[in-house]
Amino acid sequence: MRGKMPVVTTVMAGVMGVAAGTWPAVRAAASGDEGPSTRARLGAVLADQAWERPRPGSWTPPKPAPDGLPPTISRIVTQDKVVFLTIDDGYEYDAEFVSLVRKERVPILTFLTSRYVKGQGQYFWALRNAGSQMENHTVNHLNMALQTPEKQKREICEASDTIAQQYGRRPQIFRPPFGSFNLTTRKMAKECGIKSILLWSAEFYNGTSGPGVGFNGFARGDGGKGFRPGDIVLMHYRKGLAQQFQMILGWIREQGYRPAAVENYLPRSLGGNAPDQQPGATPG
């Protein structure tokens, strides 16, 4: 809006102050009514969000893989009409999107290609503090199944190193670019501290065209229509993301669903926040 500083700019400034161990000085209003302290106001802006957790017995936690490597997960088995919005890459920076996520209080999960952190680290700090965890999407967005074991390990481990250093938490969930991986990928991911590999059951081709669905189209991996409980939806950081996000939120709500935080449906042993033994969970 003309004449107003974008919300993300204010958030970035606060983040930079926090990172430096200082709080930006804000001049008192002419009336002398300062209101809440600067620290309190910035603390409220930067506070991590706490998302609603599933009801016991309403979902089936994904299981560890028999081979001891990170399992692959493409949807959550649940009775609740929830879907999980996940956003990949990170090469476009839509300030309006950060404001929208905070205003609507919508949980998302970011799979960050770590080379995009350079020069835009504060943007993802703002998203992190709007409630999005930063998980691993490699350093350079390579097709992992085509890489040597050494290259795969570098791509995953170095991305986790960068994200941990920048955002204070080491990723525990991995999404391979293009959904392409092999047994070696799973082995290298485990060596880098990854606990699960999260794929998707549906894709919103936001800002681009998808096969057979056109521009801003939506497609299910099983060829069906609409949402199903526990869908993991793939999106990307592209131009116009705020408007595209409003579009999919409208579709979700029209069909009687709501976005939920996928990390609350994953056991801690798989990189999530849920207990490893869920009371009343439906047997898998």
Protein backbone atom coordinates (compact mmCIF):
# COMPACT_ATOMS: atom_id res chain seq x y z
CA MET A 1 0.00 0.00 0.00
CA ARG A 2 1.25 3.45 -0.88
CA GLY A 3 2.82 5.36 2.00
CA LYS A 4 3.02 2.33 4.31
CA MET A 5 5.94 0.07 5.02
CA PRO A 6 5.19 -3.57 4.09
CA VAL A 7 4.65 -5.82 7.10
CA VAL A 8 7.52 -8.06 6.08
CA THR A 9 9.91 -5.09 6.15
CA THR A 10 9.00 -4.40 9.76
CA VAL A 11 9.37 -8.07 10.63
CA MET A 12 12.75 -8.27 8.90
CA ALA A 13 14.01 -5.27 10.83
CA GLY A 14 12.95 -6.88 14.08
CA VAL A 15 14.55 -10.16 13.16
CA MET A 16 17.82 -8.50 12.29
CA GLY A 17 17.81 -6.79 15.68
CA VAL A 18 17.12 -10.03 17.49
CA ALA A 19 19.85 -11.83 15.56
CA ALA A 20 22.30 -9.14 16.61
CA GLY A 21 21.21 -9.35 20.24
CA THR A 22 19.66 -5.86 20.15
CA TRP A 23 16.22 -4.35 19.79
CA PRO A 24 15.68 -1.51 17.32
CA ALA A 25 14.95 1.80 18.97
CA VAL A 26 11.51 3.20 18.19
CA ARG A 27 10.82 6.87 18.78
CA ALA A 28 7.89 7.57 21.12
CA ALA A 29 4.74 9.08 19.65
CA ALA A 30 4.31 12.82 19.97
CA SER A 31 1.39 12.29 22.35
CA GLY A 32 3.66 10.54 24.79
CA ASP A 33 1.50 7.39 24.74
CA GLU A 34 4.06 4.75 23.90
CA GLY A 35 1.74 1.76 24.38
CA PRO A 36 3.37 -1.68 24.71
CA SER A 37 7.15 -1.73 24.88
CA THR A 38 9.15 -2.26 21.73
CA ARG A 39 10.37 -5.60 23.06
CA ALA A 40 6.82 -6.76 23.79
CA ARG A 41 5.52 -5.72 20.37
CA LEU A 42 8.37 -7.31 18.45
CA GLY A 43 8.18 -10.39 20.65
CA ALA A 44 4.52 -10.78 19.70
CA VAL A 45 5.33 -10.41 16.00
CA LEU A 46 8.17 -12.89 16.12
CA ALA A 47 6.59 -15.48 18.42
CA ASP A 48 6.38 -19.00 17.02
CA GLN A 49 2.84 -20.12 16.26
CA ALA A 50 1.28 -23.06 18.07
CA TRP A 51 -0.99 -25.03 15.73
CA GLU A 52 -3.97 -27.17 16.69
CA ARG A 53 -3.06 -30.79 17.35
CA PRO A 54 -5.17 -33.72 16.18
CA ARG A 55 -7.63 -35.42 18.50
CA PRO A 56 -6.38 -38.73 19.89
CA GLY A 57 -7.73 -41.60 17.82
CA SER A 58 -8.56 -39.42 14.81
CA TRP A 59 -5.48 -40.36 12.80
CA THR A 60 -2.97 -43.13 12.21
CA PRO A 61 0.64 -42.06 12.76
CA PRO A 62 3.00 -43.02 9.93
CA LYS A 63 5.27 -45.91 10.83
CA PRO A 64 9.06 -46.20 10.72
CA ALA A 65 10.47 -48.07 7.74
CA PRO A 66 11.38 -51.75 8.35
CA ASP A 67 14.91 -51.14 7.07
CA GLY A 68 15.61 -48.42 9.65
CA LEU A 69 16.01 -45.70 7.02
CA PRO A 70 13.80 -42.59 6.77
CA PRO A 71 10.35 -43.71 5.55
CA THR A 72 8.60 -42.01 2.64
CA ILE A 73 5.23 -40.41 3.43
CA SER A 74 2.80 -39.06 0.82
CA ARG A 75 -0.36 -38.57 2.90
CA ILE A 76 -1.63 -38.87 6.46
CA VAL A 77 -4.35 -41.37 7.34
CA THR A 78 -6.90 -39.35 9.29
CA GLN A 79 -10.63 -39.03 9.87
CA ASP A 80 -10.39 -35.24 10.06
CA LYS A 81 -11.11 -33.07 7.03
CA VAL A 82 -7.65 -31.55 7.03
CA VAL A 83 -5.07 -30.97 4.32
CA PHE A 84 -1.41 -30.04 4.68
CA LEU A 85 0.06 -27.18 2.65
CA THR A 86 3.75 -27.52 1.82
CA ILE A 87 5.77 -25.02 -0.24
CA ASP A 88 9.05 -25.78 -2.02
CA ASP A 89 12.16 -23.98 -3.27
CA GLY A 90 12.29 -20.31 -2.22
CA TYR A 91 13.54 -18.26 -5.16
CA GLU A 92 10.60 -15.80 -5.17
CA TYR A 93 9.94 -13.45 -2.26
CA ASP A 94 6.37 -12.20 -1.93
CA ALA A 95 6.12 -9.83 1.05
CA GLU A 96 2.32 -9.88 0.88
CA PHE A 97 2.39 -13.64 1.38
CA VAL A 98 4.08 -13.35 4.78
CA SER A 99 1.42 -10.91 5.91
CA LEU A 100 -1.33 -13.19 4.61
CA VAL A 101 0.00 -16.29 6.41
CA ARG A 102 0.13 -14.36 9.67
CA LYS A 103 -3.28 -12.72 9.20
CA GLU A 104 -5.06 -15.95 8.26
CA ARG A 105 -3.08 -18.06 10.77
CA VAL A 106 -2.53 -20.84 8.25
CA PRO A 107 0.06 -23.54 8.97
CA ILE A 108 2.47 -24.24 6.14
CA LEU A 109 5.68 -26.24 5.89
CA THR A 110 8.58 -24.86 3.83
CA PHE A 111 11.03 -27.14 2.04
CA LEU A 112 13.87 -24.73 1.47
CA THR A 113 16.52 -24.99 -1.22
CA SER A 114 19.31 -23.52 0.86
CA ARG A 115 21.13 -21.57 -1.87
CA TYR A 116 18.14 -19.21 -1.89
CA VAL A 117 18.86 -18.23 1.70
CA LYS A 118 21.79 -16.11 0.52
CA GLY A 119 20.65 -12.51 0.47
CA GLN A 120 17.08 -13.40 1.51
CA GLY A 121 17.60 -14.97 4.90
CA GLN A 122 15.37 -12.45 6.68
CA TYR A 123 12.43 -13.26 4.41
CA PHE A 124 12.46 -16.86 5.60
CA TRP A 125 13.01 -15.72 9.18
CA ALA A 126 9.70 -13.87 8.86
CA LEU A 127 8.02 -17.01 7.54
CA ARG A 128 9.62 -19.13 10.24
CA ASN A 129 8.16 -16.88 12.88
CA ALA A 130 4.78 -16.86 11.16
CA GLY A 131 4.75 -20.56 11.95
CA SER A 132 6.52 -22.36 9.09
CA GLN A 133 9.30 -24.79 9.94
CA MET A 134 12.19 -24.80 7.50
CA GLU A 135 12.87 -28.29 6.21
CA ASN A 136 15.42 -29.67 3.72
CA HIS A 137 15.09 -29.45 -0.09
CA THR A 138 18.85 -29.75 -0.89
CA VAL A 139 21.36 -27.03 -1.72
CA ASN A 140 21.00 -26.83 -5.51
CA HIS A 141 17.71 -28.60 -6.36
CA LEU A 142 19.33 -31.49 -8.21
CA ASN A 143 17.69 -34.72 -9.30
CA MET A 144 18.98 -36.87 -6.47
CA ALA A 145 18.51 -40.25 -8.14
CA LEU A 146 21.07 -39.20 -10.78
CA GLN A 147 23.78 -38.16 -8.30
CA THR A 148 26.63 -40.12 -6.72
CA PRO A 149 26.33 -41.05 -3.04
CA GLU A 150 28.90 -38.39 -2.15
CA LYS A 151 27.04 -35.70 -4.07
CA GLN A 152 23.73 -36.66 -2.53
CA LYS A 153 25.20 -36.48 0.95
CA ARG A 154 26.70 -33.03 0.31
CA GLU A 155 23.40 -31.73 -1.06
CA ILE A 156 21.44 -32.89 1.97
CA CYS A 157 23.94 -32.32 4.78
CA GLU A 158 25.08 -28.88 3.63
CA ALA A 159 21.48 -27.72 3.24
CA SER A 160 20.73 -28.86 6.78
CA ASP A 161 23.87 -27.12 8.05
CA THR A 162 22.85 -23.82 6.45
CA ILE A 163 19.25 -23.98 7.66
CA ALA A 164 20.30 -24.91 11.20
CA GLN A 165 22.79 -22.05 11.35
CA GLN A 166 20.35 -19.52 9.94
CA TYR A 167 17.09 -20.53 11.65
CA GLY A 168 18.13 -22.28 14.84
CA ARG A 169 16.76 -25.75 14.10
CA ARG A 170 18.27 -28.58 12.08
CA PRO A 171 15.83 -30.04 9.52
CA GLN A 172 14.55 -33.53 10.23
CA ILE A 173 12.26 -33.88 7.21
CA PHE A 174 13.49 -34.06 3.61
CA ARG A 175 11.75 -33.57 0.29
CA PRO A 176 13.78 -34.62 -2.77
CA PRO A 177 13.51 -32.25 -5.74
CA PHE A 178 11.09 -33.55 -8.40
CA GLY A 179 10.16 -36.33 -5.94
CA SER A 180 13.16 -38.24 -7.33
CA PHE A 181 15.16 -40.44 -4.95
CA ASN A 182 16.57 -43.93 -4.51
CA LEU A 183 17.84 -46.16 -1.74
CA THR A 184 21.10 -44.22 -1.64
CA THR A 185 19.15 -41.01 -1.04
CA ARG A 186 17.48 -42.52 1.99
CA LYS A 187 20.84 -43.75 3.34
CA MET A 188 22.52 -40.38 2.87
CA ALA A 189 19.51 -38.57 4.34
CA LYS A 190 19.77 -40.65 7.50
CA GLU A 191 23.48 -39.83 7.79
CA CYS A 192 22.52 -36.15 7.64
CA GLY A 193 20.02 -36.46 10.50
CA ILE A 194 16.86 -36.76 8.39
CA LYS A 195 14.07 -38.82 9.99
CA SER A 196 11.47 -38.96 7.20
CA ILE A 197 10.99 -38.12 3.53
CA LEU A 198 7.77 -36.22 2.86
CA LEU A 199 6.32 -36.44 -0.64
CA TRP A 200 2.80 -35.34 -1.65
CA SER A 201 -0.58 -36.65 -2.75
CA ALA A 202 -1.76 -33.59 -4.71
CA GLU A 203 -0.21 -30.56 -6.40
CA PHE A 204 -1.44 -27.01 -6.85
CA TYR A 205 0.40 -25.72 -9.94
CA ASN A 206 0.38 -22.20 -8.55
CA GLY A 207 1.79 -19.66 -10.97
CA THR A 208 2.35 -22.25 -13.69
CA SER A 209 0.52 -24.83 -15.80
CA GLY A 210 0.16 -28.48 -14.90
CA PRO A 211 -0.38 -31.45 -17.22
CA GLY A 212 -4.03 -31.57 -18.16
CA VAL A 213 -5.13 -29.00 -15.56
CA GLY A 214 -3.96 -25.70 -17.05
CA PHE A 215 -2.65 -22.57 -15.34
CA ASN A 216 -3.09 -22.55 -11.55
CA GLY A 217 -4.50 -26.05 -11.88
CA PHE A 218 -4.92 -28.66 -9.17
CA ALA A 219 -4.16 -32.33 -9.68
CA ARG A 220 -4.30 -35.38 -7.46
CA GLY A 221 -1.68 -38.07 -7.82
CA ASP A 222 -4.39 -40.73 -7.89
CA GLY A 223 -6.29 -38.97 -10.66
CA GLY A 224 -9.26 -38.09 -8.46
CA LYS A 225 -10.92 -34.74 -7.92
CA GLY A 226 -10.94 -32.36 -4.98
CA PHE A 227 -9.38 -32.91 -1.56
CA ARG A 228 -9.30 -35.99 0.61
CA PRO A 229 -8.57 -36.15 4.35
CA GLY A 230 -4.84 -36.13 4.99
CA ASP A 231 -3.77 -34.81 1.58
CA ILE A 232 -0.27 -33.36 1.46
CA VAL A 233 -0.41 -30.57 -1.11
CA LEU A 234 2.67 -29.42 -3.01
CA MET A 235 3.07 -25.73 -3.91
CA HIS A 236 6.05 -23.53 -4.84
CA TYR A 237 7.38 -20.09 -3.99
CA ARG A 238 6.46 -18.25 -7.19
CA LYS A 239 5.42 -14.75 -8.20
CA GLY A 240 1.92 -13.89 -7.06
CA LEU A 241 2.00 -16.44 -4.24
CA ALA A 242 -0.26 -14.39 -1.96
CA GLN A 243 -3.10 -14.37 -4.48
CA GLN A 244 -2.52 -18.02 -5.33
CA PHE A 245 -2.57 -18.91 -1.65
CA GLN A 246 -5.90 -17.12 -1.21
CA MET A 247 -7.20 -19.14 -4.15
CA ILE A 248 -6.37 -22.52 -2.65
CA LEU A 249 -7.61 -21.47 0.78
CA GLY A 250 -10.95 -20.70 -0.86
CA TRP A 251 -11.07 -24.16 -2.47
CA ILE A 252 -10.15 -25.86 0.81
CA ARG A 253 -12.86 -24.06 2.77
CA GLU A 254 -15.51 -24.49 0.09
CA GLN A 255 -15.06 -28.25 0.39
CA GLY A 256 -15.35 -28.17 4.18
CA TYR A 257 -11.66 -28.72 4.90
CA ARG A 258 -9.09 -26.74 6.86
CA PRO A 259 -5.29 -26.53 6.65
CA ALA A 260 -3.42 -28.26 9.47
CA ALA A 261 0.22 -28.56 10.52
CA VAL A 262 1.62 -31.81 9.14
CA GLU A 263 4.38 -31.84 11.76
CA ASN A 264 1.69 -32.34 14.42
CA TYR A 265 0.68 -35.57 12.68
CA LEU A 266 4.21 -36.98 12.50
CA PRO A 267 5.75 -38.81 15.48
CA ARG A 268 8.89 -37.33 16.97
CA SER A 269 10.86 -40.34 15.73
CA LEU A 270 9.94 -39.24 12.19
CA GLY A 271 10.76 -35.57 12.69
CA GLY A 272 7.37 -34.34 13.90
CA ASN A 273 5.87 -33.13 17.16
CA ALA A 274 3.50 -35.98 18.01
CA PRO A 275 4.29 -38.62 20.64
CA ASP A 276 5.73 -41.83 19.25
CA GLN A 277 2.96 -43.78 20.94
CA GLN A 278 -0.31 -41.99 20.25
CA PRO A 279 -3.06 -42.90 22.76
CA GLY A 280 -6.13 -44.26 20.99
CA ALA A 281 -4.57 -44.18 17.54
CA THR A 282 -6.21 -46.32 14.90
CA PRO A 283 -4.07 -49.42 14.28
CA GLY A 284 -2.16 -49.14 11.00
